């Protein structure tokens, strides 16, 4: 049985981001998480959907390979990106660590991407950010 989404308010599911004790709620049902690998300097993207069971990873894409970034055997090269559909159960939450060596995590929705620091309105630095589905 999956854990119930965190309550940040009422009505529908949204994305809650928690970092250094601050909670930001974004009214969206799906988003793309984007980052640059700190060693290889290669872009990575993941498409996520918020469900009552948790955060569901729908598709992953990587622009290249190396240093622990090998695409799985089922990945297909499409428009310069290796892409695949990970097979994993929805997760109640996802922790995003930041080494500070390769820029920030970026969250994209409706064709617009924003760094986590922009979403929170202050620098995140190396603080961990937790993502989870919540009620707005």
N, C-alpha and C. Protein backbone atom coordinates (compact mmCIF):
# COMPACT_ATOMS: atom_id res chain seq x y z
N UNK A 1 0.83 -1.17 0.00
CA UNK A 1 0.00 0.00 0.00
C UNK A 1 0.88 1.24 0.00
N UNK A 2 0.61 2.19 -0.90
CA UNK A 2 1.42 3.39 -1.03
C UNK A 2 1.07 4.40 0.06
N UNK A 3 2.07 5.19 0.41
CA UNK A 3 1.83 6.25 1.40
C UNK A 3 0.96 7.33 0.79
N UNK A 4 0.12 7.92 1.58
CA UNK A 4 -0.74 9.00 1.10
C UNK A 4 0.12 10.22 0.79
N UNK A 5 -0.28 11.01 -0.24
CA UNK A 5 0.47 12.21 -0.55
C UNK A 5 0.49 13.17 0.64
N UNK A 6 1.57 13.93 0.76
CA UNK A 6 1.66 14.93 1.83
C UNK A 6 0.57 15.97 1.63
N UNK A 7 0.10 16.51 2.70
CA UNK A 7 -0.94 17.54 2.60
C UNK A 7 -0.29 18.92 2.69
N UNK A 8 -0.44 19.68 1.63
CA UNK A 8 0.04 21.06 1.61
C UNK A 8 -1.15 21.99 1.47
N UNK A 9 -2.36 21.45 1.51
CA UNK A 9 -3.57 22.22 1.29
C UNK A 9 -4.67 21.24 0.91
N UNK A 10 -5.54 21.58 -0.06
CA UNK A 10 -6.61 20.66 -0.44
C UNK A 10 -6.95 20.72 -1.91
N UNK A 11 -7.36 19.58 -2.51
CA UNK A 11 -7.86 19.51 -3.87
C UNK A 11 -6.84 19.15 -4.92
N UNK A 12 -6.89 17.91 -5.48
CA UNK A 12 -6.01 17.51 -6.56
C UNK A 12 -4.58 17.28 -6.10
N UNK A 13 -3.77 16.74 -7.01
CA UNK A 13 -2.37 16.51 -6.69
C UNK A 13 -1.49 17.58 -7.32
N UNK A 14 -0.44 17.94 -6.63
CA UNK A 14 0.55 18.90 -7.09
C UNK A 14 1.92 18.36 -6.74
N UNK A 15 2.95 19.12 -7.04
CA UNK A 15 4.31 18.76 -6.67
C UNK A 15 4.76 19.64 -5.52
N UNK A 16 5.21 19.01 -4.43
CA UNK A 16 5.79 19.75 -3.32
C UNK A 16 7.30 19.57 -3.38
N UNK A 17 8.01 20.68 -3.25
CA UNK A 17 9.47 20.70 -3.18
C UNK A 17 9.83 21.20 -1.79
N UNK A 18 10.71 20.46 -1.09
CA UNK A 18 11.09 20.81 0.26
C UNK A 18 12.61 20.92 0.31
N UNK A 19 13.11 22.08 0.76
CA UNK A 19 14.56 22.26 0.89
C UNK A 19 14.84 23.21 2.05
N UNK A 20 15.71 22.80 2.94
CA UNK A 20 16.13 23.60 4.09
C UNK A 20 14.92 24.12 4.87
N UNK A 21 13.89 23.28 5.03
CA UNK A 21 12.73 23.63 5.81
C UNK A 21 11.68 24.46 5.10
N UNK A 22 11.92 24.81 3.84
CA UNK A 22 10.97 25.60 3.04
C UNK A 22 10.23 24.67 2.10
N UNK A 23 8.91 24.85 2.00
CA UNK A 23 8.08 24.04 1.10
C UNK A 23 7.51 24.93 0.01
N UNK A 24 7.67 24.50 -1.23
CA UNK A 24 7.07 25.18 -2.38
C UNK A 24 6.14 24.19 -3.05
N UNK A 25 4.92 24.62 -3.34
CA UNK A 25 3.93 23.77 -4.00
C UNK A 25 3.71 24.28 -5.41
N UNK A 26 3.85 23.37 -6.39
CA UNK A 26 3.64 23.72 -7.80
C UNK A 26 2.43 22.95 -8.31
N UNK A 27 1.45 23.67 -8.84
CA UNK A 27 0.24 23.04 -9.36
C UNK A 27 0.51 22.50 -10.75
N UNK A 28 0.96 21.26 -10.80
CA UNK A 28 1.20 20.58 -12.07
C UNK A 28 1.08 19.09 -11.84
N UNK A 29 0.73 18.37 -12.90
CA UNK A 29 0.54 16.92 -12.80
C UNK A 29 1.70 16.14 -13.40
N UNK A 30 2.53 16.83 -14.19
CA UNK A 30 3.68 16.19 -14.84
C UNK A 30 4.75 17.26 -15.04
N UNK A 31 6.01 16.81 -15.09
CA UNK A 31 7.12 17.75 -15.27
C UNK A 31 8.33 16.98 -15.78
N UNK A 32 9.33 17.74 -16.24
CA UNK A 32 10.60 17.16 -16.65
C UNK A 32 11.68 17.69 -15.72
N UNK A 33 12.48 16.80 -15.19
CA UNK A 33 13.61 17.14 -14.35
C UNK A 33 14.86 17.09 -15.23
N UNK A 34 15.67 18.15 -15.19
CA UNK A 34 16.83 18.27 -16.08
C UNK A 34 18.06 18.61 -15.24
N UNK A 35 19.19 18.00 -15.58
CA UNK A 35 20.45 18.34 -14.93
C UNK A 35 21.61 18.00 -15.84
N UNK A 36 22.79 18.49 -15.45
CA UNK A 36 24.03 18.23 -16.18
C UNK A 36 24.93 17.39 -15.28
N UNK A 37 25.43 16.27 -15.80
CA UNK A 37 26.29 15.38 -15.03
C UNK A 37 27.56 16.14 -14.63
N UNK A 38 27.95 16.03 -13.35
CA UNK A 38 29.07 16.83 -12.83
C UNK A 38 30.43 16.44 -13.40
N UNK A 39 30.61 15.20 -13.83
CA UNK A 39 31.91 14.77 -14.37
C UNK A 39 31.91 14.86 -15.89
N UNK A 40 30.92 14.26 -16.53
CA UNK A 40 30.88 14.19 -17.99
C UNK A 40 30.35 15.45 -18.66
N UNK A 41 29.67 16.30 -17.89
CA UNK A 41 29.06 17.52 -18.45
C UNK A 41 28.08 17.19 -19.57
N UNK A 42 27.32 16.13 -19.34
CA UNK A 42 26.33 15.65 -20.31
C UNK A 42 24.94 15.87 -19.73
N UNK A 43 24.02 16.32 -20.57
CA UNK A 43 22.66 16.57 -20.10
C UNK A 43 21.87 15.29 -19.91
N UNK A 44 21.02 15.31 -18.91
CA UNK A 44 20.13 14.21 -18.56
C UNK A 44 18.75 14.80 -18.33
N UNK A 45 17.70 14.09 -18.76
CA UNK A 45 16.33 14.54 -18.56
C UNK A 45 15.48 13.36 -18.13
N UNK A 46 14.53 13.63 -17.23
CA UNK A 46 13.57 12.61 -16.81
C UNK A 46 12.18 13.23 -16.81
N UNK A 47 11.23 12.51 -17.38
CA UNK A 47 9.83 12.92 -17.36
C UNK A 47 9.13 12.22 -16.21
N UNK A 48 8.45 12.98 -15.37
CA UNK A 48 7.79 12.47 -14.17
C UNK A 48 6.31 12.81 -14.22
N UNK A 49 5.51 11.95 -13.60
CA UNK A 49 4.08 12.17 -13.46
C UNK A 49 3.74 12.00 -11.98
N UNK A 50 2.84 12.86 -11.48
CA UNK A 50 2.41 12.78 -10.09
C UNK A 50 1.13 11.96 -10.05
N UNK A 51 1.15 10.87 -9.28
CA UNK A 51 0.00 9.98 -9.18
C UNK A 51 -0.36 9.81 -7.70
N UNK A 52 -1.55 9.28 -7.40
CA UNK A 52 -1.90 9.02 -5.99
C UNK A 52 -0.93 8.04 -5.32
N UNK A 53 -0.23 7.21 -6.11
CA UNK A 53 0.73 6.24 -5.57
C UNK A 53 2.10 6.85 -5.34
N UNK A 54 2.36 8.04 -5.88
CA UNK A 54 3.66 8.68 -5.73
C UNK A 54 4.16 9.26 -7.04
N UNK A 55 5.44 9.55 -7.09
CA UNK A 55 6.06 10.10 -8.30
C UNK A 55 6.44 8.95 -9.23
N UNK A 56 5.95 9.02 -10.45
CA UNK A 56 6.19 7.96 -11.44
C UNK A 56 7.16 8.47 -12.50
N UNK A 57 8.28 7.78 -12.65
CA UNK A 57 9.26 8.09 -13.68
C UNK A 57 8.78 7.47 -14.99
N UNK A 58 8.44 8.33 -15.96
CA UNK A 58 7.82 7.89 -17.20
C UNK A 58 8.84 7.61 -18.28
N UNK A 59 9.81 8.51 -18.44
CA UNK A 59 10.83 8.34 -19.48
C UNK A 59 12.11 9.04 -19.04
N UNK A 60 13.26 8.48 -19.45
CA UNK A 60 14.56 9.08 -19.17
C UNK A 60 15.30 9.26 -20.49
N UNK A 61 16.11 10.33 -20.54
CA UNK A 61 16.91 10.63 -21.73
C UNK A 61 18.28 11.11 -21.30
N UNK A 62 19.31 10.68 -22.01
CA UNK A 62 20.66 11.16 -21.76
C UNK A 62 21.31 11.46 -23.11
N UNK A 63 22.09 12.53 -23.15
CA UNK A 63 22.68 13.01 -24.40
C UNK A 63 23.95 12.23 -24.78
N UNK A 64 24.49 11.44 -23.89
CA UNK A 64 25.70 10.67 -24.16
C UNK A 64 25.87 9.62 -23.08
N UNK A 65 27.09 9.15 -22.89
CA UNK A 65 27.33 8.13 -21.88
C UNK A 65 28.69 8.34 -21.24
N UNK A 66 28.95 7.58 -20.17
CA UNK A 66 30.22 7.64 -19.47
C UNK A 66 30.03 7.90 -17.99
N UNK A 67 31.00 7.57 -17.17
CA UNK A 67 31.04 7.83 -15.73
C UNK A 67 29.73 7.50 -15.03
N UNK A 68 29.26 6.26 -15.22
CA UNK A 68 28.05 5.82 -14.54
C UNK A 68 26.76 6.28 -15.19
N UNK A 69 26.85 6.74 -16.41
CA UNK A 69 25.67 7.24 -17.13
C UNK A 69 25.30 6.37 -18.32
N UNK A 70 25.69 5.14 -18.31
CA UNK A 70 25.41 4.27 -19.44
C UNK A 70 23.92 4.06 -19.62
N UNK A 71 23.39 4.33 -20.81
CA UNK A 71 21.97 4.03 -21.03
C UNK A 71 21.77 2.52 -21.01
N UNK A 72 20.60 2.06 -20.58
CA UNK A 72 20.35 0.62 -20.54
C UNK A 72 20.24 0.03 -21.94
N UNK A 73 20.33 -1.29 -22.07
CA UNK A 73 20.29 -1.92 -23.40
C UNK A 73 19.03 -1.59 -24.20
N UNK A 74 17.90 -1.34 -23.53
CA UNK A 74 16.66 -1.06 -24.26
C UNK A 74 16.57 0.39 -24.75
N UNK A 75 17.54 1.23 -24.41
CA UNK A 75 17.52 2.64 -24.84
C UNK A 75 17.65 2.72 -26.37
N UNK A 76 16.98 3.70 -26.93
CA UNK A 76 17.03 3.95 -28.37
C UNK A 76 17.51 5.37 -28.61
N UNK A 77 18.34 5.56 -29.63
CA UNK A 77 18.84 6.88 -29.98
C UNK A 77 17.79 7.60 -30.82
N UNK A 78 17.28 8.72 -30.29
CA UNK A 78 16.25 9.51 -30.98
C UNK A 78 16.66 10.98 -30.92
N UNK A 79 16.90 11.57 -32.08
CA UNK A 79 17.28 12.99 -32.16
C UNK A 79 18.47 13.33 -31.27
N UNK A 80 19.47 12.45 -31.22
CA UNK A 80 20.68 12.70 -30.45
C UNK A 80 20.60 12.34 -28.97
N UNK A 81 19.46 11.82 -28.52
CA UNK A 81 19.28 11.43 -27.13
C UNK A 81 19.03 9.94 -27.04
N UNK A 82 19.72 9.26 -26.10
CA UNK A 82 19.35 7.89 -25.77
C UNK A 82 18.13 8.02 -24.87
N UNK A 83 17.04 7.35 -25.20
CA UNK A 83 15.84 7.44 -24.37
C UNK A 83 15.27 6.06 -24.11
N UNK A 84 14.63 5.92 -22.94
CA UNK A 84 14.04 4.65 -22.54
C UNK A 84 12.96 4.91 -21.50
N UNK A 85 12.18 3.88 -21.25
CA UNK A 85 11.13 3.94 -20.24
C UNK A 85 11.54 3.06 -19.06
N UNK A 86 11.97 3.69 -17.96
CA UNK A 86 12.37 2.91 -16.79
C UNK A 86 11.20 2.11 -16.24
N UNK A 87 11.46 0.95 -15.74
CA UNK A 87 10.44 0.08 -15.16
C UNK A 87 10.62 0.08 -13.65
N UNK A 88 9.92 0.99 -12.99
CA UNK A 88 9.99 1.04 -11.53
C UNK A 88 8.66 1.53 -10.99
N UNK A 89 8.36 1.12 -9.79
CA UNK A 89 7.11 1.52 -9.14
C UNK A 89 7.18 3.01 -8.77
N UNK A 90 6.03 3.67 -8.68
CA UNK A 90 6.03 5.07 -8.21
C UNK A 90 6.69 5.16 -6.83
N UNK A 91 7.37 6.28 -6.60
CA UNK A 91 8.09 6.49 -5.34
C UNK A 91 7.40 7.58 -4.52
N UNK A 92 7.29 7.39 -3.20
CA UNK A 92 6.63 8.40 -2.38
C UNK A 92 7.35 9.75 -2.41
N UNK A 93 8.68 9.70 -2.53
CA UNK A 93 9.45 10.93 -2.64
C UNK A 93 10.78 10.64 -3.30
N UNK A 94 11.39 11.71 -3.83
CA UNK A 94 12.69 11.62 -4.49
C UNK A 94 13.56 12.73 -3.91
N UNK A 95 14.76 12.38 -3.45
CA UNK A 95 15.70 13.36 -2.91
C UNK A 95 16.70 13.76 -3.99
N UNK A 96 16.86 15.06 -4.18
CA UNK A 96 17.79 15.60 -5.17
C UNK A 96 18.98 16.22 -4.45
N UNK A 97 20.13 15.59 -4.54
CA UNK A 97 21.35 16.13 -3.94
C UNK A 97 22.03 17.03 -4.96
N UNK A 98 22.82 17.96 -4.49
CA UNK A 98 23.52 18.88 -5.39
C UNK A 98 24.94 19.07 -4.90
N UNK A 99 25.90 18.63 -5.71
CA UNK A 99 27.30 18.76 -5.32
C UNK A 99 27.80 20.18 -5.51
N UNK A 100 27.09 20.98 -6.29
CA UNK A 100 27.55 22.33 -6.59
C UNK A 100 28.56 22.36 -7.72
N UNK A 101 28.90 21.19 -8.30
CA UNK A 101 29.93 21.12 -9.33
C UNK A 101 29.41 21.26 -10.76
N UNK A 102 28.11 21.19 -10.96
CA UNK A 102 27.62 21.19 -12.35
C UNK A 102 26.35 22.01 -12.55
N UNK A 103 26.14 22.99 -11.73
CA UNK A 103 24.91 23.75 -11.87
C UNK A 103 23.79 23.09 -11.10
N UNK A 104 22.59 23.60 -11.30
CA UNK A 104 21.45 23.17 -10.51
C UNK A 104 20.52 22.23 -11.25
N UNK A 105 19.71 21.56 -10.47
CA UNK A 105 18.58 20.82 -11.01
C UNK A 105 17.64 21.85 -11.62
N UNK A 106 17.02 21.50 -12.74
CA UNK A 106 16.04 22.38 -13.37
C UNK A 106 14.74 21.61 -13.53
N UNK A 107 13.64 22.30 -13.32
CA UNK A 107 12.33 21.71 -13.44
C UNK A 107 11.63 22.38 -14.61
N UNK A 108 11.13 21.58 -15.56
CA UNK A 108 10.51 22.10 -16.77
C UNK A 108 9.04 21.69 -16.82
N UNK A 109 8.21 22.65 -17.26
CA UNK A 109 6.77 22.41 -17.39
C UNK A 109 6.24 23.42 -18.40
N UNK A 110 5.40 22.96 -19.31
CA UNK A 110 4.82 23.83 -20.34
C UNK A 110 5.88 24.59 -21.14
N UNK A 111 7.00 23.93 -21.45
CA UNK A 111 8.04 24.52 -22.28
C UNK A 111 8.94 25.52 -21.58
N UNK A 112 8.81 25.68 -20.26
CA UNK A 112 9.65 26.61 -19.50
C UNK A 112 10.41 25.85 -18.44
N UNK A 113 11.70 26.14 -18.32
CA UNK A 113 12.54 25.50 -17.31
C UNK A 113 13.00 26.54 -16.29
N UNK A 114 13.02 26.12 -15.02
CA UNK A 114 13.47 27.00 -13.94
C UNK A 114 14.40 26.23 -13.03
N UNK A 115 15.50 26.87 -12.62
CA UNK A 115 16.39 26.28 -11.63
C UNK A 115 15.67 26.25 -10.29
N UNK A 116 16.03 25.28 -9.45
CA UNK A 116 15.39 25.19 -8.14
C UNK A 116 15.56 26.48 -7.33
N UNK A 117 16.72 27.13 -7.43
CA UNK A 117 16.92 28.40 -6.72
C UNK A 117 15.90 29.44 -7.15
N UNK A 118 15.56 29.46 -8.45
CA UNK A 118 14.55 30.40 -8.94
C UNK A 118 13.17 30.06 -8.37
N UNK A 119 12.86 28.79 -8.29
CA UNK A 119 11.56 28.36 -7.74
C UNK A 119 11.46 28.75 -6.26
N UNK A 120 12.53 28.53 -5.50
CA UNK A 120 12.51 28.84 -4.07
C UNK A 120 12.71 30.32 -3.79
N UNK A 121 13.29 31.04 -4.74
CA UNK A 121 13.52 32.48 -4.54
C UNK A 121 14.78 32.80 -3.77
N UNK A 122 15.65 31.81 -3.58
CA UNK A 122 16.94 32.01 -2.93
C UNK A 122 17.86 30.86 -3.33
N UNK A 123 19.18 31.04 -3.21
CA UNK A 123 20.10 29.97 -3.59
C UNK A 123 19.87 28.69 -2.78
N UNK A 124 19.84 27.55 -3.47
CA UNK A 124 19.70 26.25 -2.83
C UNK A 124 21.07 25.75 -2.35
N UNK A 125 22.12 26.07 -3.11
CA UNK A 125 23.46 25.61 -2.76
C UNK A 125 23.50 24.09 -2.78
N UNK A 126 24.15 23.50 -1.79
CA UNK A 126 24.29 22.04 -1.75
C UNK A 126 23.21 21.38 -0.89
N UNK A 127 22.18 22.13 -0.51
CA UNK A 127 21.08 21.54 0.26
C UNK A 127 20.34 20.50 -0.58
N UNK A 128 19.89 19.45 0.07
CA UNK A 128 19.07 18.42 -0.59
C UNK A 128 17.66 18.99 -0.76
N UNK A 129 17.07 18.72 -1.92
CA UNK A 129 15.68 19.09 -2.18
C UNK A 129 14.89 17.79 -2.33
N UNK A 130 13.77 17.69 -1.61
CA UNK A 130 12.92 16.51 -1.68
C UNK A 130 11.70 16.86 -2.52
N UNK A 131 11.38 15.98 -3.47
CA UNK A 131 10.17 16.12 -4.29
C UNK A 131 9.18 15.08 -3.83
N UNK A 132 7.88 15.47 -3.74
CA UNK A 132 6.84 14.50 -3.45
C UNK A 132 5.52 15.04 -3.96
N UNK A 133 4.63 14.12 -4.25
CA UNK A 133 3.28 14.53 -4.61
C UNK A 133 2.58 15.03 -3.36
N UNK A 134 1.74 16.04 -3.52
CA UNK A 134 1.02 16.58 -2.38
C UNK A 134 -0.30 17.16 -2.85
N UNK A 135 -1.13 17.49 -1.91
CA UNK A 135 -2.37 18.17 -2.22
C UNK A 135 -2.12 19.67 -2.07
N UNK A 136 -2.48 20.46 -3.09
CA UNK A 136 -2.16 21.90 -3.05
C UNK A 136 -2.89 22.64 -1.93
